[in-house]
Amino acid sequence: MRRPGQCLSGARRPAFTLIELMVVAGIITLLLAMTLPALSAMWAQRKQAHVQNTLRGVLSSARVQAKSRGERGLFFCLIDGVQKVFPIVREPLRPFDPLDPTTDPFEMTDNDTLDRFLVVEGDVHTFPDPLRVVPRYVVDNTGSSWDRWDADELTNEFYRSAPGNATQVHRNFFTMIFSADGRLMPSRNVLIHDPDLLPTAATDGFGDRTGFPVSAITQYADSGGTVIVLPGPALPDIVDDTGNDGLNFIGVDGILVYDDSLFRDLAPVDGDGLLRQELIIRTGRPMYVSRVTGEIIMGPVAENEAP
């Protein structure tokens, strides 16, 4: 005799009805809709933290090497839409003359022709898309040597400037240079020298490290539009469309980490660039190098003045 509560041998559990399955699927969909934004935000924060840690490391390393080996720096650029940073070292065209103060590396001006840096072997760091790094100058409203960039400068993604634009400012192409005593040296127009030395006998006209077009140039335009004729031997520097004039890249005093996908989304409705500029101001995470201690400092979002 079967005891109360005892199931019959071989009895089957009733199958889910279609309505029950639809209810379960609806609950799962609702839970996913609630959790996916949080997961996406978490991954975005992890990406940004990774970029910030990488930047802190490469900046600290460049500064330490400069103090022990002479001027060092970093060249930030875009390659196939991905931002990278290359190590660079100063390559003088003529030796230091104690009787000529213009050859003193600590007294160089924007027009000084000694500002040529060589891309050297070393770790090349890549930042995960869509995160990019931009000079703090693009949102600088402190009334110092730079004002906020105009729309053409802010939206320029190429290392070549717009026709007729002599300032040669590029949103994702710039340098950070450290002197031999570990000081950051902003506002220097730097020529990037990248040798074209292929294993074969023939060269291809592209730098071996960056892959950008290079040529043995004899002149370049400074930030004021003045054409500077270079002394000494011509070297394969990154060049303009003609292949004759070298391009200089500004040295910056601070950087901002921002989401370029949001920046691009605004492009169709932001002809003057103001919305994109405000986006970087509101969301860009600034990083500075202390002028006193050399420490790499993380500033709060939307902070536009260096410490």
Protein backbone atom coordinates (compact mmCIF):
# COMPACT_ATOMS: atom_id res chain seq x y z
CA MET A 1 0.00 0.00 0.00
CA ARG A 2 1.32 3.48 -0.92
CA ARG A 3 2.11 5.70 2.02
CA PRO A 4 0.74 9.23 2.13
CA GLY A 5 3.02 11.64 0.27
CA GLN A 6 4.83 8.80 -1.49
CA CYS A 7 5.13 9.30 -5.28
CA LEU A 8 4.14 6.51 -7.56
CA SER A 9 7.09 4.73 -9.13
CA GLY A 10 7.80 6.10 -12.61
CA ALA A 11 5.57 9.16 -12.17
CA ARG A 12 6.68 12.14 -14.31
CA ARG A 13 6.85 15.78 -13.28
CA PRO A 14 4.50 17.92 -15.43
CA ALA A 15 6.36 19.91 -18.15
CA PHE A 16 6.51 23.70 -18.14
CA THR A 17 3.68 25.33 -19.97
CA LEU A 18 4.33 27.89 -22.70
CA ILE A 19 3.16 30.69 -20.42
CA GLU A 20 5.59 29.61 -17.68
CA LEU A 21 8.48 29.55 -20.16
CA MET A 22 7.56 33.02 -21.39
CA VAL A 23 7.47 34.32 -17.81
CA VAL A 24 10.92 32.85 -17.06
CA ALA A 25 12.35 34.28 -20.29
CA GLY A 26 10.88 37.67 -19.43
CA ILE A 27 12.46 37.63 -15.97
CA ILE A 28 15.86 36.68 -17.40
CA THR A 29 15.61 39.45 -20.01
CA LEU A 30 14.70 41.97 -17.32
CA LEU A 31 17.64 40.91 -15.13
CA LEU A 32 20.04 41.19 -18.07
CA ALA A 33 18.71 44.63 -18.94
CA MET A 34 19.32 45.71 -15.35
CA THR A 35 22.85 44.25 -15.04
CA LEU A 36 24.39 44.90 -18.48
CA PRO A 37 24.71 48.70 -18.05
CA ALA A 38 26.41 48.16 -14.71
CA LEU A 39 28.76 45.59 -16.25
CA SER A 40 29.52 47.91 -19.16
CA ALA A 41 30.28 50.77 -16.79
CA MET A 42 32.53 48.49 -14.73
CA TRP A 43 34.51 47.41 -17.80
CA ALA A 44 34.80 51.03 -18.95
CA GLN A 45 36.19 52.01 -15.54
CA ARG A 46 38.65 49.12 -15.66
CA LYS A 47 39.83 50.21 -19.11
CA GLN A 48 40.29 53.78 -17.95
CA ALA A 49 42.18 52.64 -14.85
CA HIS A 50 44.44 50.51 -17.07
CA VAL A 51 45.22 53.47 -19.31
CA GLN A 52 45.91 55.72 -16.32
CA ASN A 53 48.23 53.16 -14.73
CA THR A 54 50.06 52.69 -18.04
CA LEU A 55 50.48 56.44 -18.45
CA ARG A 56 51.73 56.85 -14.91
CA GLY A 57 54.30 54.12 -15.52
CA VAL A 58 55.62 55.39 -18.84
CA LEU A 59 55.81 58.99 -17.64
CA SER A 60 57.68 57.98 -14.50
CA SER A 61 60.04 55.77 -16.51
CA ALA A 62 60.76 58.54 -19.05
CA ARG A 63 61.52 61.01 -16.27
CA VAL A 64 63.85 58.60 -14.43
CA GLN A 65 65.72 57.76 -17.64
CA ALA A 66 66.07 61.45 -18.50
CA LYS A 67 67.74 62.16 -15.15
CA SER A 68 70.29 59.39 -15.73
CA ARG A 69 70.79 59.47 -19.51
CA GLY A 70 69.80 62.92 -20.79
CA GLU A 71 66.65 64.26 -22.38
CA ARG A 72 63.95 61.67 -22.91
CA GLY A 73 60.28 61.80 -23.79
CA LEU A 74 57.19 60.19 -25.26
CA PHE A 75 55.55 60.56 -28.66
CA PHE A 76 51.76 60.07 -28.64
CA CYS A 77 50.18 59.24 -32.00
CA LEU A 78 47.35 57.39 -33.77
CA ILE A 79 48.02 54.33 -35.93
CA ASP A 80 45.00 52.82 -37.69
CA GLY A 81 42.71 54.57 -35.23
CA VAL A 82 44.48 53.20 -32.15
CA GLN A 83 46.52 55.50 -29.95
CA LYS A 84 50.07 54.51 -29.13
CA VAL A 85 53.02 56.03 -27.30
CA PHE A 86 56.66 55.61 -28.38
CA PRO A 87 59.83 56.36 -26.39
CA ILE A 88 61.97 59.15 -27.89
CA VAL A 89 65.39 60.64 -27.09
CA ARG A 90 66.92 63.97 -28.07
CA GLU A 91 69.22 63.87 -31.08
CA PRO A 92 71.15 67.16 -31.36
CA LEU A 93 72.35 68.43 -34.71
CA ARG A 94 75.25 70.32 -33.19
CA PRO A 95 77.16 70.11 -29.89
CA PHE A 96 76.59 72.37 -26.90
CA ASP A 97 78.65 75.55 -27.06
CA PRO A 98 79.16 77.20 -23.61
CA LEU A 99 79.75 80.54 -25.36
CA ASP A 100 76.47 80.32 -27.28
CA PRO A 101 73.43 80.28 -24.94
CA THR A 102 71.12 79.30 -27.81
CA THR A 103 72.65 75.82 -27.77
CA ASP A 104 71.84 75.30 -24.09
CA PRO A 105 69.09 72.62 -23.96
CA PHE A 106 67.58 74.37 -20.93
CA GLU A 107 67.22 77.66 -22.80
CA MET A 108 65.76 76.39 -26.06
CA THR A 109 62.85 78.24 -27.60
CA ASP A 110 60.08 77.13 -29.94
CA ASN A 111 62.23 78.15 -32.91
CA ASP A 112 65.36 76.32 -31.78
CA THR A 113 66.49 73.79 -34.37
CA LEU A 114 67.94 71.44 -31.76
CA ASP A 115 64.48 70.08 -30.95
CA ARG A 116 64.76 66.84 -32.90
CA PHE A 117 63.95 63.60 -31.12
CA LEU A 118 64.67 60.07 -32.30
CA VAL A 119 62.15 57.24 -31.92
CA VAL A 120 64.12 54.48 -30.20
CA GLU A 121 63.72 50.81 -29.40
CA GLY A 122 61.61 50.17 -26.33
CA ASP A 123 58.12 49.28 -25.20
CA VAL A 124 55.37 50.69 -27.41
CA HIS A 125 52.21 51.06 -25.35
CA THR A 126 48.77 50.80 -26.93
CA PHE A 127 45.63 52.21 -25.34
CA PRO A 128 42.42 50.18 -25.72
CA ASP A 129 39.83 51.65 -28.04
CA PRO A 130 37.83 53.85 -27.55
CA LEU A 131 39.96 55.46 -24.83
CA ARG A 132 42.42 58.08 -26.04
CA VAL A 133 44.73 60.68 -24.62
CA VAL A 134 44.58 64.36 -25.57
CA PRO A 135 46.69 67.37 -24.48
CA ARG A 136 45.29 69.37 -21.60
CA TYR A 137 45.69 72.41 -23.85
CA VAL A 138 42.48 71.54 -25.69
CA VAL A 139 40.43 72.63 -22.67
CA ASP A 140 42.87 75.13 -21.18
CA ASN A 141 41.00 78.31 -20.25
CA THR A 142 43.51 79.66 -17.74
CA GLY A 143 44.63 82.58 -19.87
CA SER A 144 48.22 81.31 -20.05
CA SER A 145 50.12 80.71 -23.28
CA TRP A 146 47.33 78.68 -24.88
CA ASP A 147 43.60 79.22 -25.16
CA ARG A 148 41.00 76.61 -25.87
CA TRP A 149 41.52 75.08 -29.27
CA ASP A 150 39.24 76.03 -32.12
CA ALA A 151 37.04 73.49 -33.90
CA ASP A 152 39.61 72.66 -36.60
CA GLU A 153 42.35 72.01 -34.06
CA LEU A 154 40.15 70.09 -31.67
CA THR A 155 38.72 67.75 -34.31
CA ASN A 156 41.97 67.16 -36.21
CA GLU A 157 42.80 63.45 -36.04
CA PHE A 158 45.74 63.56 -38.44
CA TYR A 159 49.37 64.43 -37.83
CA ARG A 160 49.24 66.75 -40.83
CA SER A 161 47.67 70.13 -40.18
CA ALA A 162 44.81 71.57 -42.19
CA PRO A 163 46.01 73.51 -45.28
CA GLY A 164 47.27 76.92 -44.28
CA ASN A 165 47.31 76.09 -40.57
CA ALA A 166 50.85 76.79 -39.41
CA THR A 167 50.30 76.04 -35.74
CA GLN A 168 50.35 72.26 -36.33
CA VAL A 169 48.35 71.24 -33.29
CA HIS A 170 46.95 67.75 -33.33
CA ARG A 171 44.43 66.29 -30.92
CA ASN A 172 46.10 62.89 -30.57
CA PHE A 173 49.63 63.69 -31.85
CA PHE A 174 51.93 65.39 -29.33
CA THR A 175 54.95 64.86 -27.10
CA MET A 176 55.95 65.04 -23.44
CA ILE A 177 59.64 65.86 -22.95
CA PHE A 178 61.76 65.66 -19.78
CA SER A 179 65.03 67.55 -19.32
CA ALA A 180 68.22 66.03 -17.93
CA ASP A 181 67.26 67.20 -14.44
CA GLY A 182 63.79 65.63 -14.62
CA ARG A 183 61.78 68.77 -15.45
CA LEU A 184 58.88 68.56 -17.86
CA MET A 185 59.52 70.88 -20.83
CA PRO A 186 56.18 71.90 -22.42
CA SER A 187 55.58 74.19 -25.42
CA ARG A 188 58.54 72.80 -27.36
CA ASN A 189 58.04 72.14 -31.05
CA VAL A 190 59.60 68.73 -31.57
CA LEU A 191 60.58 67.10 -34.87
CA ILE A 192 60.21 63.32 -34.79
CA HIS A 193 63.10 61.48 -36.43
CA ASP A 194 62.26 57.86 -37.33
CA PRO A 195 64.96 55.99 -39.32
CA ASP A 196 63.97 54.13 -42.46
CA LEU A 197 66.41 51.22 -42.30
CA LEU A 198 64.92 48.10 -43.83
CA PRO A 199 66.80 44.77 -43.91
CA THR A 200 66.90 45.08 -47.69
CA ALA A 201 69.03 47.51 -49.66
CA ALA A 202 66.08 49.72 -50.61
CA THR A 203 64.12 51.90 -48.21
CA ASP A 204 60.36 52.38 -48.50
CA GLY A 205 59.95 55.96 -47.26
CA PHE A 206 58.25 54.96 -44.00
CA GLY A 207 59.71 55.10 -40.52
CA ASP A 208 60.55 51.65 -39.19
CA ARG A 209 59.09 52.32 -35.74
CA THR A 210 56.03 54.48 -36.43
CA GLY A 211 55.23 53.57 -40.03
CA PHE A 212 54.62 57.24 -40.87
CA PRO A 213 56.00 58.79 -44.08
CA VAL A 214 59.50 60.12 -43.47
CA SER A 215 61.98 61.99 -45.61
CA ALA A 216 65.36 63.71 -45.26
CA ILE A 217 64.06 67.21 -44.69
CA THR A 218 65.83 70.57 -44.66
CA GLN A 219 63.14 72.81 -43.14
CA TYR A 220 59.96 72.96 -41.07
CA ALA A 221 57.41 75.56 -40.01
CA ASP A 222 57.37 76.57 -36.35
CA SER A 223 54.21 77.34 -34.35
CA GLY A 224 54.21 80.92 -35.63
CA GLY A 225 54.41 79.92 -39.27
CA THR A 226 58.08 80.86 -39.66
CA VAL A 227 59.97 78.46 -41.92
CA ILE A 228 63.06 77.16 -40.12
CA VAL A 229 65.96 75.97 -42.30
CA LEU A 230 67.80 73.18 -40.53
CA PRO A 231 71.57 73.22 -40.16
CA GLY A 232 73.66 70.09 -40.47
CA PRO A 233 72.75 66.84 -42.20
CA ALA A 234 69.14 66.19 -43.17
CA LEU A 235 67.49 63.31 -41.32
CA PRO A 236 64.38 61.22 -42.08
CA ASP A 237 61.71 63.04 -40.09
CA ILE A 238 57.93 62.73 -40.30
CA VAL A 239 56.96 64.92 -43.24
CA ASP A 240 54.05 66.78 -44.80
CA ASP A 241 52.22 65.94 -48.03
CA THR A 242 55.08 67.19 -50.18
CA GLY A 243 57.65 64.99 -48.46
CA ASN A 244 59.95 68.00 -48.06
CA ASP A 245 58.85 69.86 -44.93
CA GLY A 246 59.09 68.33 -41.48
CA LEU A 247 56.20 68.39 -39.03
CA ASN A 248 56.72 69.50 -35.46
CA PHE A 249 54.66 68.18 -32.56
CA ILE A 250 53.97 70.34 -29.53
CA GLY A 251 55.23 69.31 -26.10
CA VAL A 252 52.44 69.43 -23.50
CA ASP A 253 52.30 69.97 -19.74
CA GLY A 254 49.41 67.63 -19.00
CA ILE A 255 47.06 65.13 -20.58
CA LEU A 256 43.42 64.07 -20.42
CA VAL A 257 42.04 60.54 -20.81
CA TYR A 258 38.68 60.54 -22.59
CA ASP A 259 36.22 58.26 -24.43
CA ASP A 260 36.60 58.91 -28.15
CA SER A 261 33.46 56.95 -29.08
CA LEU A 262 31.35 59.56 -27.29
CA PHE A 263 33.41 62.25 -28.99
CA ARG A 264 32.73 60.76 -32.44
CA ASP A 265 29.00 60.36 -31.72
CA LEU A 266 28.71 64.14 -31.40
CA ALA A 267 30.41 64.87 -34.73
CA PRO A 268 27.28 64.83 -36.96
CA VAL A 269 25.54 67.49 -34.85
CA ASP A 270 28.51 69.55 -33.68
CA GLY A 271 29.93 71.53 -36.56
CA ASP A 272 31.74 74.09 -34.41
CA GLY A 273 33.20 71.53 -31.98
CA LEU A 274 31.78 73.16 -28.85
CA LEU A 275 29.82 70.08 -27.75
CA ARG A 276 32.88 67.87 -28.16
CA GLN A 277 35.00 70.33 -26.25
CA GLU A 278 32.47 70.38 -23.42
CA LEU A 279 32.42 66.57 -23.43
CA ILE A 280 36.17 66.46 -22.82
CA ILE A 281 35.90 69.15 -20.15
CA ARG A 282 33.18 67.22 -18.31
CA THR A 283 34.61 63.71 -18.64
CA GLY A 284 38.35 63.96 -19.32
CA ARG A 285 40.52 62.69 -16.45
CA PRO A 286 43.59 64.96 -16.20
CA MET A 287 47.13 63.81 -15.38
CA TYR A 288 50.00 66.16 -14.59
CA VAL A 289 53.65 66.02 -13.73
CA SER A 290 54.39 68.06 -10.60
CA ARG A 291 56.73 70.95 -11.35
CA VAL A 292 58.18 70.60 -7.83
CA THR A 293 58.55 66.88 -7.15
CA GLY A 294 58.08 65.29 -10.57
CA GLU A 295 55.29 63.13 -9.15
CA ILE A 296 52.60 61.94 -11.57
CA ILE A 297 49.37 63.51 -10.29
CA MET A 298 45.81 62.46 -11.10
CA GLY A 299 43.53 65.49 -11.08
CA PRO A 300 39.76 65.47 -10.65
CA VAL A 301 37.55 65.37 -13.71
CA ALA A 302 37.14 68.75 -15.42
CA GLU A 303 40.08 70.31 -13.55
CA ASN A 304 41.72 72.62 -16.06
CA GLU A 305 44.60 74.04 -14.10
CA ALA A 306 47.84 72.20 -13.40
CA PRO A 307 48.96 71.94 -9.72
